[in-house]
Amino acid sequence: MSGEFIQSDTFEDYWSKLKAIYNGRALEWKDLTKEKYEAIERSEREDSDNHINEDRLGKDTQVIDLCWYKFMPDREAAYHIQLHKTDHSVEDHYFKIKLRESSE
């Protein structure tokens, strides 16, 4: 969703930058457990930029994100963000945000 190119060598740095982007677009943030996310993911959608990020790994950055999300009523969206490093390690993050109205 972010559509931003983030360059980073660590999960911590990458997640901090990515979370700031999502927080900037959100009225509210709520961390979710994997189980809570899976309970609402039945009709999740894959981010259309995932293939672009996969191509960037190891070329433009040492860490990328893959994103799956589910839009819910009242401008809420649940996200599963999976960070990948060039050493093949993976880190998962789950959260829900209330999206700002486009006029804000």
N, C-alpha and C. Protein backbone atom coordinates (compact mmCIF):
# COMPACT_ATOMS: atom_id res chain seq x y z
N MET A 1 0.82 -1.19 0.00
CA MET A 1 0.00 0.00 0.00
C MET A 1 0.86 1.24 0.00
N SER A 2 1.99 1.19 0.66
CA SER A 2 2.72 2.44 0.84
C SER A 2 3.23 3.00 -0.48
N GLY A 3 3.65 2.14 -1.39
CA GLY A 3 4.13 2.62 -2.68
C GLY A 3 5.44 3.37 -2.58
N GLU A 4 6.05 3.37 -1.43
CA GLU A 4 7.31 4.08 -1.21
C GLU A 4 8.47 3.10 -1.37
N PHE A 5 9.58 3.58 -1.90
CA PHE A 5 10.79 2.76 -1.93
C PHE A 5 11.55 3.03 -0.64
N ILE A 6 11.74 2.00 0.13
CA ILE A 6 12.45 2.10 1.40
C ILE A 6 13.74 1.33 1.26
N GLN A 7 14.84 1.94 1.64
CA GLN A 7 16.12 1.26 1.63
C GLN A 7 16.55 1.02 3.06
N SER A 8 16.93 -0.20 3.35
CA SER A 8 17.31 -0.53 4.71
C SER A 8 18.13 -1.81 4.72
N ASP A 9 18.90 -1.98 5.80
CA ASP A 9 19.68 -3.20 6.00
C ASP A 9 19.13 -4.08 7.11
N THR A 10 18.22 -3.53 7.93
CA THR A 10 17.70 -4.29 9.07
C THR A 10 16.18 -4.28 9.09
N PHE A 11 15.61 -5.32 9.70
CA PHE A 11 14.17 -5.37 9.89
C PHE A 11 13.69 -4.18 10.72
N GLU A 12 14.41 -3.89 11.81
CA GLU A 12 13.99 -2.83 12.72
C GLU A 12 13.89 -1.49 12.01
N ASP A 13 14.90 -1.14 11.24
CA ASP A 13 14.91 0.13 10.52
C ASP A 13 13.82 0.16 9.45
N TYR A 14 13.70 -0.92 8.70
CA TYR A 14 12.70 -0.98 7.64
C TYR A 14 11.30 -0.87 8.23
N TRP A 15 11.01 -1.65 9.28
CA TRP A 15 9.68 -1.64 9.87
C TRP A 15 9.36 -0.26 10.46
N SER A 16 10.33 0.38 11.07
CA SER A 16 10.14 1.72 11.62
C SER A 16 9.72 2.71 10.52
N LYS A 17 10.39 2.65 9.38
CA LYS A 17 10.06 3.55 8.26
C LYS A 17 8.71 3.22 7.66
N LEU A 18 8.43 1.93 7.47
CA LEU A 18 7.16 1.52 6.89
C LEU A 18 5.99 1.84 7.82
N LYS A 19 6.16 1.59 9.10
CA LYS A 19 5.11 1.88 10.08
C LYS A 19 4.81 3.38 10.11
N ALA A 20 5.81 4.20 9.99
CA ALA A 20 5.60 5.66 9.96
C ALA A 20 4.75 6.06 8.76
N ILE A 21 4.93 5.41 7.63
CA ILE A 21 4.12 5.71 6.44
C ILE A 21 2.66 5.35 6.70
N TYR A 22 2.42 4.16 7.23
CA TYR A 22 1.05 3.75 7.51
C TYR A 22 0.42 4.61 8.59
N ASN A 23 1.17 4.94 9.63
CA ASN A 23 0.66 5.80 10.69
C ASN A 23 0.28 7.18 10.16
N GLY A 24 1.02 7.67 9.18
CA GLY A 24 0.72 8.97 8.59
C GLY A 24 -0.59 8.98 7.82
N ARG A 25 -1.06 7.82 7.41
CA ARG A 25 -2.31 7.70 6.66
C ARG A 25 -3.47 7.23 7.53
N ALA A 26 -3.20 7.05 8.81
CA ALA A 26 -4.20 6.45 9.69
C ALA A 26 -4.68 7.42 10.76
N LEU A 27 -5.94 7.27 11.11
CA LEU A 27 -6.48 7.98 12.27
C LEU A 27 -6.21 7.19 13.54
N GLU A 28 -6.19 5.86 13.41
CA GLU A 28 -5.96 4.98 14.55
C GLU A 28 -5.08 3.81 14.10
N TRP A 29 -4.31 3.27 15.04
CA TRP A 29 -3.47 2.09 14.80
C TRP A 29 -3.75 1.08 15.89
N LYS A 30 -3.89 -0.18 15.52
CA LYS A 30 -4.05 -1.25 16.51
C LYS A 30 -3.26 -2.45 16.04
N ASP A 31 -2.30 -2.90 16.87
CA ASP A 31 -1.57 -4.12 16.55
C ASP A 31 -2.52 -5.30 16.66
N LEU A 32 -2.34 -6.27 15.78
CA LEU A 32 -3.13 -7.50 15.80
C LEU A 32 -2.21 -8.69 15.99
N THR A 33 -2.73 -9.73 16.59
CA THR A 33 -2.01 -10.99 16.62
C THR A 33 -2.26 -11.68 15.29
N LYS A 34 -1.45 -12.66 14.98
CA LYS A 34 -1.65 -13.44 13.75
C LYS A 34 -3.04 -14.08 13.77
N GLU A 35 -3.44 -14.59 14.91
CA GLU A 35 -4.74 -15.25 15.02
C GLU A 35 -5.90 -14.28 14.76
N LYS A 36 -5.80 -13.08 15.30
CA LYS A 36 -6.87 -12.09 15.07
C LYS A 36 -6.90 -11.68 13.60
N TYR A 37 -5.73 -11.53 12.99
CA TYR A 37 -5.71 -11.18 11.57
C TYR A 37 -6.33 -12.30 10.75
N GLU A 38 -5.95 -13.53 11.03
CA GLU A 38 -6.48 -14.67 10.26
C GLU A 38 -7.98 -14.80 10.39
N ALA A 39 -8.54 -14.36 11.52
CA ALA A 39 -9.99 -14.44 11.71
C ALA A 39 -10.74 -13.47 10.79
N ILE A 40 -10.06 -12.43 10.32
CA ILE A 40 -10.74 -11.47 9.43
C ILE A 40 -10.20 -11.48 8.01
N GLU A 41 -9.26 -12.36 7.70
CA GLU A 41 -8.61 -12.32 6.39
C GLU A 41 -9.31 -13.13 5.30
N ARG A 42 -10.43 -13.69 5.56
CA ARG A 42 -11.08 -14.62 4.63
C ARG A 42 -11.08 -14.13 3.18
N SER A 43 -11.22 -12.86 2.96
CA SER A 43 -11.24 -12.34 1.59
C SER A 43 -10.11 -11.33 1.38
N GLU A 44 -8.94 -11.64 1.90
CA GLU A 44 -7.82 -10.71 1.79
C GLU A 44 -7.39 -10.49 0.35
N ARG A 45 -6.73 -9.38 0.12
CA ARG A 45 -6.21 -9.05 -1.20
C ARG A 45 -4.70 -8.87 -1.09
N GLU A 46 -4.01 -9.28 -2.12
CA GLU A 46 -2.55 -9.11 -2.16
C GLU A 46 -2.24 -7.76 -2.77
N ASP A 47 -1.26 -7.07 -2.20
CA ASP A 47 -0.84 -5.79 -2.73
C ASP A 47 -0.28 -5.99 -4.13
N SER A 48 -0.68 -5.14 -5.05
CA SER A 48 -0.24 -5.30 -6.44
C SER A 48 1.23 -4.97 -6.64
N ASP A 49 1.88 -4.37 -5.64
CA ASP A 49 3.30 -4.02 -5.75
C ASP A 49 4.22 -5.11 -5.23
N ASN A 50 3.69 -6.22 -4.73
CA ASN A 50 4.55 -7.25 -4.14
C ASN A 50 5.62 -7.73 -5.12
N HIS A 51 5.27 -7.93 -6.38
CA HIS A 51 6.25 -8.41 -7.35
C HIS A 51 7.36 -7.38 -7.59
N ILE A 52 7.04 -6.11 -7.52
CA ILE A 52 8.06 -5.05 -7.69
C ILE A 52 9.04 -5.11 -6.53
N ASN A 53 8.52 -5.24 -5.32
CA ASN A 53 9.40 -5.32 -4.16
C ASN A 53 10.28 -6.56 -4.22
N GLU A 54 9.74 -7.67 -4.66
CA GLU A 54 10.54 -8.90 -4.76
C GLU A 54 11.72 -8.69 -5.71
N ASP A 55 11.52 -7.94 -6.78
CA ASP A 55 12.60 -7.65 -7.73
C ASP A 55 13.66 -6.74 -7.13
N ARG A 56 13.31 -5.92 -6.15
CA ARG A 56 14.24 -4.96 -5.54
C ARG A 56 15.17 -5.60 -4.52
N LEU A 57 14.78 -6.75 -3.96
CA LEU A 57 15.55 -7.37 -2.88
C LEU A 57 16.95 -7.74 -3.35
N GLY A 58 17.94 -7.20 -2.65
CA GLY A 58 19.33 -7.46 -2.99
C GLY A 58 19.90 -6.53 -4.03
N LYS A 59 19.04 -5.81 -4.74
CA LYS A 59 19.51 -4.85 -5.74
C LYS A 59 19.48 -3.44 -5.16
N ASP A 60 18.28 -3.01 -4.74
CA ASP A 60 18.10 -1.66 -4.22
C ASP A 60 18.12 -1.59 -2.70
N THR A 61 17.83 -2.71 -2.06
CA THR A 61 17.72 -2.73 -0.60
C THR A 61 17.96 -4.14 -0.09
N GLN A 62 18.30 -4.24 1.18
CA GLN A 62 18.53 -5.54 1.80
C GLN A 62 17.27 -6.10 2.44
N VAL A 63 16.22 -5.26 2.55
CA VAL A 63 14.96 -5.67 3.16
C VAL A 63 13.81 -5.16 2.29
N ILE A 64 12.78 -6.00 2.11
CA ILE A 64 11.57 -5.59 1.39
C ILE A 64 10.35 -5.99 2.21
N ASP A 65 9.20 -5.45 1.81
CA ASP A 65 7.95 -5.89 2.44
C ASP A 65 7.02 -6.45 1.39
N LEU A 66 6.27 -7.48 1.80
CA LEU A 66 5.16 -7.99 1.02
C LEU A 66 3.92 -7.71 1.85
N CYS A 67 2.82 -7.36 1.19
CA CYS A 67 1.65 -6.88 1.91
C CYS A 67 0.38 -7.61 1.47
N TRP A 68 -0.42 -8.00 2.46
CA TRP A 68 -1.77 -8.52 2.21
C TRP A 68 -2.70 -7.71 3.10
N TYR A 69 -3.89 -7.44 2.61
CA TYR A 69 -4.79 -6.58 3.39
C TYR A 69 -6.24 -6.94 3.15
N LYS A 70 -7.07 -6.48 4.06
CA LYS A 70 -8.52 -6.68 3.96
C LYS A 70 -9.18 -5.37 4.35
N PHE A 71 -9.99 -4.82 3.44
CA PHE A 71 -10.76 -3.63 3.77
C PHE A 71 -12.00 -4.04 4.54
N MET A 72 -12.33 -3.25 5.55
CA MET A 72 -13.46 -3.55 6.42
C MET A 72 -14.38 -2.33 6.46
N PRO A 73 -15.54 -2.45 7.07
CA PRO A 73 -16.44 -1.29 7.17
C PRO A 73 -15.80 -0.14 7.95
N ASP A 74 -16.36 1.03 7.78
CA ASP A 74 -15.95 2.23 8.52
C ASP A 74 -14.49 2.62 8.27
N ARG A 75 -14.04 2.45 7.04
CA ARG A 75 -12.70 2.85 6.61
C ARG A 75 -11.58 2.17 7.40
N GLU A 76 -11.83 0.97 7.90
CA GLU A 76 -10.79 0.22 8.58
C GLU A 76 -10.17 -0.78 7.62
N ALA A 77 -8.91 -1.09 7.84
CA ALA A 77 -8.20 -2.08 7.02
C ALA A 77 -7.28 -2.88 7.93
N ALA A 78 -7.28 -4.19 7.73
CA ALA A 78 -6.37 -5.08 8.47
C ALA A 78 -5.24 -5.46 7.52
N TYR A 79 -4.02 -5.46 8.04
CA TYR A 79 -2.83 -5.72 7.21
C TYR A 79 -1.99 -6.85 7.77
N HIS A 80 -1.39 -7.60 6.87
CA HIS A 80 -0.32 -8.54 7.17
C HIS A 80 0.87 -8.08 6.34
N ILE A 81 1.89 -7.62 7.00
CA ILE A 81 3.13 -7.19 6.34
C ILE A 81 4.20 -8.23 6.65
N GLN A 82 4.85 -8.71 5.62
CA GLN A 82 5.92 -9.69 5.80
C GLN A 82 7.21 -9.07 5.27
N LEU A 83 8.18 -8.90 6.17
CA LEU A 83 9.48 -8.36 5.79
C LEU A 83 10.41 -9.50 5.41
N HIS A 84 11.16 -9.32 4.33
CA HIS A 84 12.12 -10.32 3.85
C HIS A 84 13.49 -9.67 3.74
N LYS A 85 14.53 -10.38 4.21
CA LYS A 85 15.91 -9.93 4.08
C LYS A 85 16.62 -10.81 3.06
N THR A 86 17.74 -10.31 2.57
CA THR A 86 18.52 -11.05 1.59
C THR A 86 19.06 -12.36 2.15
N ASP A 87 19.16 -12.48 3.47
CA ASP A 87 19.63 -13.75 4.07
C ASP A 87 18.49 -14.76 4.23
N HIS A 88 17.33 -14.46 3.63
CA HIS A 88 16.14 -15.32 3.62
C HIS A 88 15.38 -15.34 4.94
N SER A 89 15.74 -14.47 5.88
CA SER A 89 14.96 -14.40 7.11
C SER A 89 13.69 -13.59 6.85
N VAL A 90 12.66 -13.88 7.65
CA VAL A 90 11.33 -13.30 7.46
C VAL A 90 10.81 -12.83 8.81
N GLU A 91 10.10 -11.69 8.80
CA GLU A 91 9.48 -11.17 10.00
C GLU A 91 8.07 -10.73 9.65
N ASP A 92 7.08 -11.14 10.45
CA ASP A 92 5.68 -10.83 10.18
C ASP A 92 5.16 -9.76 11.13
N HIS A 93 4.29 -8.88 10.60
CA HIS A 93 3.61 -7.85 11.39
C HIS A 93 2.15 -7.84 10.99
N TYR A 94 1.29 -7.68 11.99
CA TYR A 94 -0.15 -7.65 11.77
C TYR A 94 -0.69 -6.42 12.47
N PHE A 95 -1.56 -5.67 11.78
CA PHE A 95 -2.14 -4.49 12.40
C PHE A 95 -3.42 -4.10 11.68
N LYS A 96 -4.16 -3.23 12.34
CA LYS A 96 -5.39 -2.70 11.77
C LYS A 96 -5.33 -1.19 11.92
N ILE A 97 -5.73 -0.47 10.87
CA ILE A 97 -5.77 0.99 10.95
C ILE A 97 -7.14 1.48 10.49
N LYS A 98 -7.47 2.65 10.98
CA LYS A 98 -8.64 3.35 10.47
C LYS A 98 -8.10 4.41 9.52
N LEU A 99 -8.49 4.31 8.26
CA LEU A 99 -7.94 5.17 7.22
C LEU A 99 -8.54 6.58 7.31
N ARG A 100 -7.72 7.55 7.02
CA ARG A 100 -8.20 8.93 6.94
C ARG A 100 -9.07 9.07 5.72
N GLU A 101 -10.00 10.00 5.76
CA GLU A 101 -10.78 10.30 4.57
C GLU A 101 -9.88 11.01 3.59
N SER A 102 -10.11 10.81 2.32
CA SER A 102 -9.21 11.37 1.30
C SER A 102 -9.18 12.89 1.32
N SER A 103 -10.20 13.53 1.86
CA SER A 103 -10.24 14.99 1.87
C SER A 103 -9.42 15.59 3.01
N GLU A 104 -8.91 14.76 3.94
CA GLU A 104 -8.14 15.27 5.07
C GLU A 104 -6.71 15.52 4.70
